[in-house]
């Protein structure tokens, strides 16, 4: 996670916002408190991590329940699934921090067998450093899509369409298109700077990141993690 933070900081996406938040100089250190909310944006379920008010500093962070991403067909086949939760510092529906200036936006893309919340510790950390971070599920390569395909015969809900075409490119393009409306008509109104946008992804999401960043001039910086494409 730390190389991602360092690269994006080096890209100048934070600028004066970082200094005005009085963040620790070491990018591995968390900054301000973090909130998380779930939005529906143009039909996409989008997780949003953001700098939160100091009033939530003493509140416990959200524990993400991964079992919610296990499809019912798998549960019906093997029985109840008990997976450990993911501890995060982000407080659900926390009050948005009053920022001295609009924050840069980062979009995250997951890989095969992943989901929008898979890297919540990293996305939360980036939000604590002054970013607003958004991620959505890519149909055809989520955990919910892939798990039913691991059985023979495949269970209901098996969807490997993400192997044939990249669903993330359209998903991320939709989020980029929605940023002006989010800047004016959501809880983020006046909080995000859509002229400073970064993109990062893991595995297949890294490949999606490379493709989109090379094609879309709305992306100012990008970082790939465990991708197979230069």
Protein backbone atom coordinates (compact mmCIF):
# COMPACT_ATOMS: atom_id res chain seq x y z
CA UNK A 1 0.00 0.00 0.00
CA UNK A 2 2.76 2.47 0.86
CA UNK A 3 4.24 2.60 -2.70
CA UNK A 4 0.78 3.56 -3.97
CA UNK A 5 0.60 6.43 -1.48
CA UNK A 6 4.10 7.63 -2.34
CA UNK A 7 3.55 7.56 -6.11
CA UNK A 8 0.28 9.46 -5.89
CA UNK A 9 1.80 12.00 -3.54
CA UNK A 10 4.71 12.42 -5.96
CA UNK A 11 2.23 12.99 -8.79
CA UNK A 12 1.17 16.19 -7.05
CA UNK A 13 -2.47 15.21 -6.69
CA UNK A 14 -2.69 16.55 -3.17
CA UNK A 15 -0.81 19.80 -3.45
CA UNK A 16 -1.89 22.48 -1.01
CA UNK A 17 -4.65 20.30 0.43
CA UNK A 18 -2.07 18.08 2.13
CA UNK A 19 -0.25 20.95 3.75
CA UNK A 20 -3.45 22.61 4.96
CA UNK A 21 -4.58 19.36 6.63
CA UNK A 22 -1.36 19.29 8.66
CA UNK A 23 -0.68 15.62 7.89
CA UNK A 24 2.33 13.61 9.11
CA UNK A 25 5.26 13.89 6.72
CA UNK A 26 5.67 10.09 6.58
CA UNK A 27 3.04 8.80 4.09
CA UNK A 28 2.82 5.50 5.98
CA UNK A 29 1.26 7.34 8.94
CA UNK A 30 -2.50 7.84 8.94
CA UNK A 31 -3.78 11.39 8.89
CA UNK A 32 -7.29 12.59 9.67
CA UNK A 33 -10.26 10.35 10.62
CA UNK A 34 -12.01 8.53 7.79
CA UNK A 35 -15.63 7.96 6.88
CA UNK A 36 -17.22 5.54 4.40
CA UNK A 37 -20.57 5.60 2.63
CA UNK A 38 -22.25 3.54 -0.06
CA UNK A 39 -23.81 5.39 -2.99
CA UNK A 40 -25.74 4.27 -6.04
CA UNK A 41 -24.22 6.11 -9.00
CA UNK A 42 -25.78 5.57 -12.43
CA UNK A 43 -26.76 2.04 -11.43
CA UNK A 44 -23.39 1.22 -9.87
CA UNK A 45 -22.96 0.45 -6.17
CA UNK A 46 -20.05 2.67 -5.18
CA UNK A 47 -18.09 2.65 -1.93
CA UNK A 48 -16.73 6.08 -1.01
CA UNK A 49 -14.00 6.70 1.58
CA UNK A 50 -13.41 10.32 2.60
CA UNK A 51 -11.79 12.56 5.23
CA UNK A 52 -14.14 12.71 8.22
CA UNK A 53 -14.79 15.12 11.05
CA UNK A 54 -12.67 14.88 14.20
CA UNK A 55 -15.93 14.13 16.04
CA UNK A 56 -15.66 10.45 14.98
CA UNK A 57 -12.05 10.05 16.08
CA UNK A 58 -12.94 7.86 19.06
CA UNK A 59 -15.53 5.73 17.25
CA UNK A 60 -14.73 2.17 16.11
CA UNK A 61 -14.09 1.61 12.43
CA UNK A 62 -16.25 -0.59 10.26
CA UNK A 63 -15.65 -4.34 10.10
CA UNK A 64 -16.38 -5.53 6.57
CA UNK A 65 -18.38 -8.76 6.34
CA UNK A 66 -17.04 -10.66 3.31
CA UNK A 67 -19.74 -13.31 3.66
CA UNK A 68 -22.13 -10.78 2.17
CA UNK A 69 -20.35 -11.29 -1.15
CA UNK A 70 -20.83 -15.09 -1.12
CA UNK A 71 -23.80 -15.88 -3.41
CA UNK A 72 -26.77 -17.83 -2.09
CA UNK A 73 -26.19 -20.66 -4.57
CA UNK A 74 -22.83 -21.39 -2.89
CA UNK A 75 -24.36 -21.27 0.61
CA UNK A 76 -27.14 -23.63 -0.50
CA UNK A 77 -24.52 -26.05 -1.87
CA UNK A 78 -21.94 -26.15 0.93
CA UNK A 79 -23.78 -24.73 3.92
CA UNK A 80 -23.20 -21.54 5.95
CA UNK A 81 -19.94 -19.73 5.27
CA UNK A 82 -17.99 -18.14 8.12
CA UNK A 83 -15.24 -15.78 6.98
CA UNK A 84 -13.23 -13.39 9.15
CA UNK A 85 -14.19 -9.75 8.86
CA UNK A 86 -11.82 -7.04 7.63
CA UNK A 87 -11.08 -4.41 10.27
CA UNK A 88 -10.88 -0.88 8.89
CA UNK A 89 -10.48 2.56 10.46
CA UNK A 90 -13.36 4.00 8.40
CA UNK A 91 -16.50 4.97 10.32
CA UNK A 92 -19.76 4.20 8.49
CA UNK A 93 -21.70 7.35 7.47
CA UNK A 94 -19.35 9.63 9.40
CA UNK A 95 -19.73 13.38 9.09
CA UNK A 96 -17.74 14.77 6.20
CA UNK A 97 -14.73 16.83 7.22
CA UNK A 98 -14.84 20.53 6.40
CA UNK A 99 -11.88 20.76 4.03
CA UNK A 100 -9.91 23.93 3.29
CA UNK A 101 -10.20 23.19 -0.42
CA UNK A 102 -11.69 20.43 -2.63
CA UNK A 103 -9.95 17.05 -2.35
CA UNK A 104 -8.46 15.03 -5.22
CA UNK A 105 -10.39 11.95 -6.31
CA UNK A 106 -9.01 8.41 -6.63
CA UNK A 107 -10.81 5.53 -8.36
CA UNK A 108 -9.93 1.92 -7.48
CA UNK A 109 -10.41 -1.16 -9.69
CA UNK A 110 -10.43 -4.71 -8.25
CA UNK A 111 -9.27 -7.91 -9.94
CA UNK A 112 -10.82 -11.35 -10.54
CA UNK A 113 -12.48 -12.76 -7.44
CA UNK A 114 -12.42 -9.35 -5.81
CA UNK A 115 -14.93 -6.69 -4.86
CA UNK A 116 -15.13 -2.98 -4.30
CA UNK A 117 -14.20 -3.22 -0.60
CA UNK A 118 -11.33 -5.70 -0.95
CA UNK A 119 -8.59 -3.11 -0.31
CA UNK A 120 -10.41 -1.13 2.37
CA UNK A 121 -7.33 -0.70 4.55
CA UNK A 122 -5.52 0.98 1.64
CA UNK A 123 -8.47 3.06 0.48
CA UNK A 124 -9.11 4.16 4.07
CA UNK A 125 -5.48 5.13 4.50
CA UNK A 126 -5.55 7.21 1.33
CA UNK A 127 -8.70 8.96 2.54
CA UNK A 128 -6.92 9.78 5.81
CA UNK A 129 -4.26 11.49 3.71
CA UNK A 130 -6.74 13.86 2.10
CA UNK A 131 -8.20 11.95 -0.86
CA UNK A 132 -11.78 10.96 -1.66
CA UNK A 133 -11.58 7.36 -2.87
CA UNK A 134 -14.27 5.52 -4.86
CA UNK A 135 -14.63 1.89 -5.92
CA UNK A 136 -17.35 -0.16 -7.59
CA UNK A 137 -17.87 -3.86 -8.36
CA UNK A 138 -17.03 -5.05 -11.88
CA UNK A 139 -19.68 -7.55 -12.98
CA UNK A 140 -18.13 -10.66 -14.50
CA UNK A 141 -15.08 -10.70 -12.28
CA UNK A 142 -16.31 -10.21 -8.70
CA UNK A 143 -16.10 -12.82 -5.96
CA UNK A 144 -19.86 -13.27 -6.28
CA UNK A 145 -19.51 -13.99 -10.00
CA UNK A 146 -16.48 -16.28 -9.82
CA UNK A 147 -17.29 -18.45 -6.77
CA UNK A 148 -20.22 -20.34 -8.39
CA UNK A 149 -17.95 -21.20 -11.32
CA UNK A 150 -15.58 -23.20 -9.09
CA UNK A 151 -18.07 -26.06 -8.81
CA UNK A 152 -18.80 -28.79 -11.35
CA UNK A 153 -21.33 -28.29 -12.69
CA UNK A 154 -21.24 -24.56 -12.15
CA UNK A 155 -23.81 -23.16 -9.72
CA UNK A 156 -26.38 -20.48 -10.41
CA UNK A 157 -24.79 -17.07 -10.76
CA UNK A 158 -21.58 -18.22 -12.46
CA UNK A 159 -20.39 -15.33 -14.62
CA UNK A 160 -16.94 -15.28 -16.19
CA UNK A 161 -17.78 -12.65 -18.79
CA UNK A 162 -15.00 -10.49 -17.38
CA UNK A 163 -12.46 -12.86 -18.94
CA UNK A 164 -13.76 -12.12 -22.45
CA UNK A 165 -14.19 -8.35 -22.13
CA UNK A 166 -13.04 -5.88 -19.49
CA UNK A 167 -16.08 -4.62 -17.56
CA UNK A 168 -14.00 -2.21 -15.52
CA UNK A 169 -13.31 0.14 -18.41
CA UNK A 170 -17.00 1.02 -18.81
CA UNK A 171 -17.56 1.05 -15.03
CA UNK A 172 -14.71 3.47 -14.43
CA UNK A 173 -15.73 5.60 -17.40
CA UNK A 174 -19.22 5.86 -15.88
CA UNK A 175 -17.74 7.01 -12.57
CA UNK A 176 -15.63 9.61 -14.34
CA UNK A 177 -18.72 10.85 -16.16
CA UNK A 178 -20.60 11.07 -12.84
CA UNK A 179 -17.99 13.14 -11.00
CA UNK A 180 -19.46 16.55 -11.99
CA UNK A 181 -22.87 15.52 -10.61
CA UNK A 182 -21.29 14.12 -7.43
CA UNK A 183 -19.43 17.39 -6.97
CA UNK A 184 -22.69 19.35 -7.05
CA UNK A 185 -25.48 17.01 -6.01
CA UNK A 186 -24.31 14.50 -3.38
CA UNK A 187 -22.97 14.56 0.17
CA UNK A 188 -19.64 15.36 -1.52
CA UNK A 189 -20.96 18.67 -2.91
CA UNK A 190 -18.16 21.20 -3.01
CA UNK A 191 -15.69 18.65 -1.58
CA UNK A 192 -14.09 16.99 -4.62
CA UNK A 193 -11.73 18.44 -7.20
CA UNK A 194 -12.56 16.69 -10.48
CA UNK A 195 -9.58 18.32 -12.15
CA UNK A 196 -7.28 16.16 -10.00
CA UNK A 197 -8.18 12.51 -10.57
CA UNK A 198 -6.05 9.41 -10.00
CA UNK A 199 -6.66 5.77 -10.82
CA UNK A 200 -5.21 2.60 -9.27
CA UNK A 201 -6.01 -1.08 -9.52
CA UNK A 202 -4.98 -4.58 -8.50
CA UNK A 203 -4.28 -7.53 -10.84
CA UNK A 204 -6.89 -7.41 -13.63
CA UNK A 205 -7.80 -4.02 -12.17
CA UNK A 206 -4.23 -2.93 -12.78
CA UNK A 207 -4.61 -3.84 -16.44
CA UNK A 208 -7.87 -1.89 -16.58
CA UNK A 209 -6.05 1.02 -14.98
CA UNK A 210 -3.30 1.00 -17.60
CA UNK A 211 -5.76 0.83 -20.47
CA UNK A 212 -8.02 3.62 -19.25
CA UNK A 213 -5.21 5.90 -18.11
CA UNK A 214 -3.61 5.69 -21.56
CA UNK A 215 -6.90 6.54 -23.27
CA UNK A 216 -8.61 9.08 -21.02
CA UNK A 217 -7.07 12.49 -20.42
CA UNK A 218 -9.24 12.97 -17.33
CA UNK A 219 -6.77 10.71 -15.47
CA UNK A 220 -3.89 12.75 -14.04
CA UNK A 221 -1.96 9.91 -12.34
CA UNK A 222 -2.22 6.15 -12.06
CA UNK A 223 -0.64 3.25 -10.16
CA UNK A 224 -0.82 -0.47 -10.99
CA UNK A 225 -0.44 -3.30 -8.47
CA UNK A 226 0.35 -6.88 -9.55
CA UNK A 227 -0.68 -6.17 -13.14
CA UNK A 228 0.53 -8.10 -16.16
CA UNK A 229 0.60 -5.24 -18.63
CA UNK A 230 3.32 -2.55 -19.00
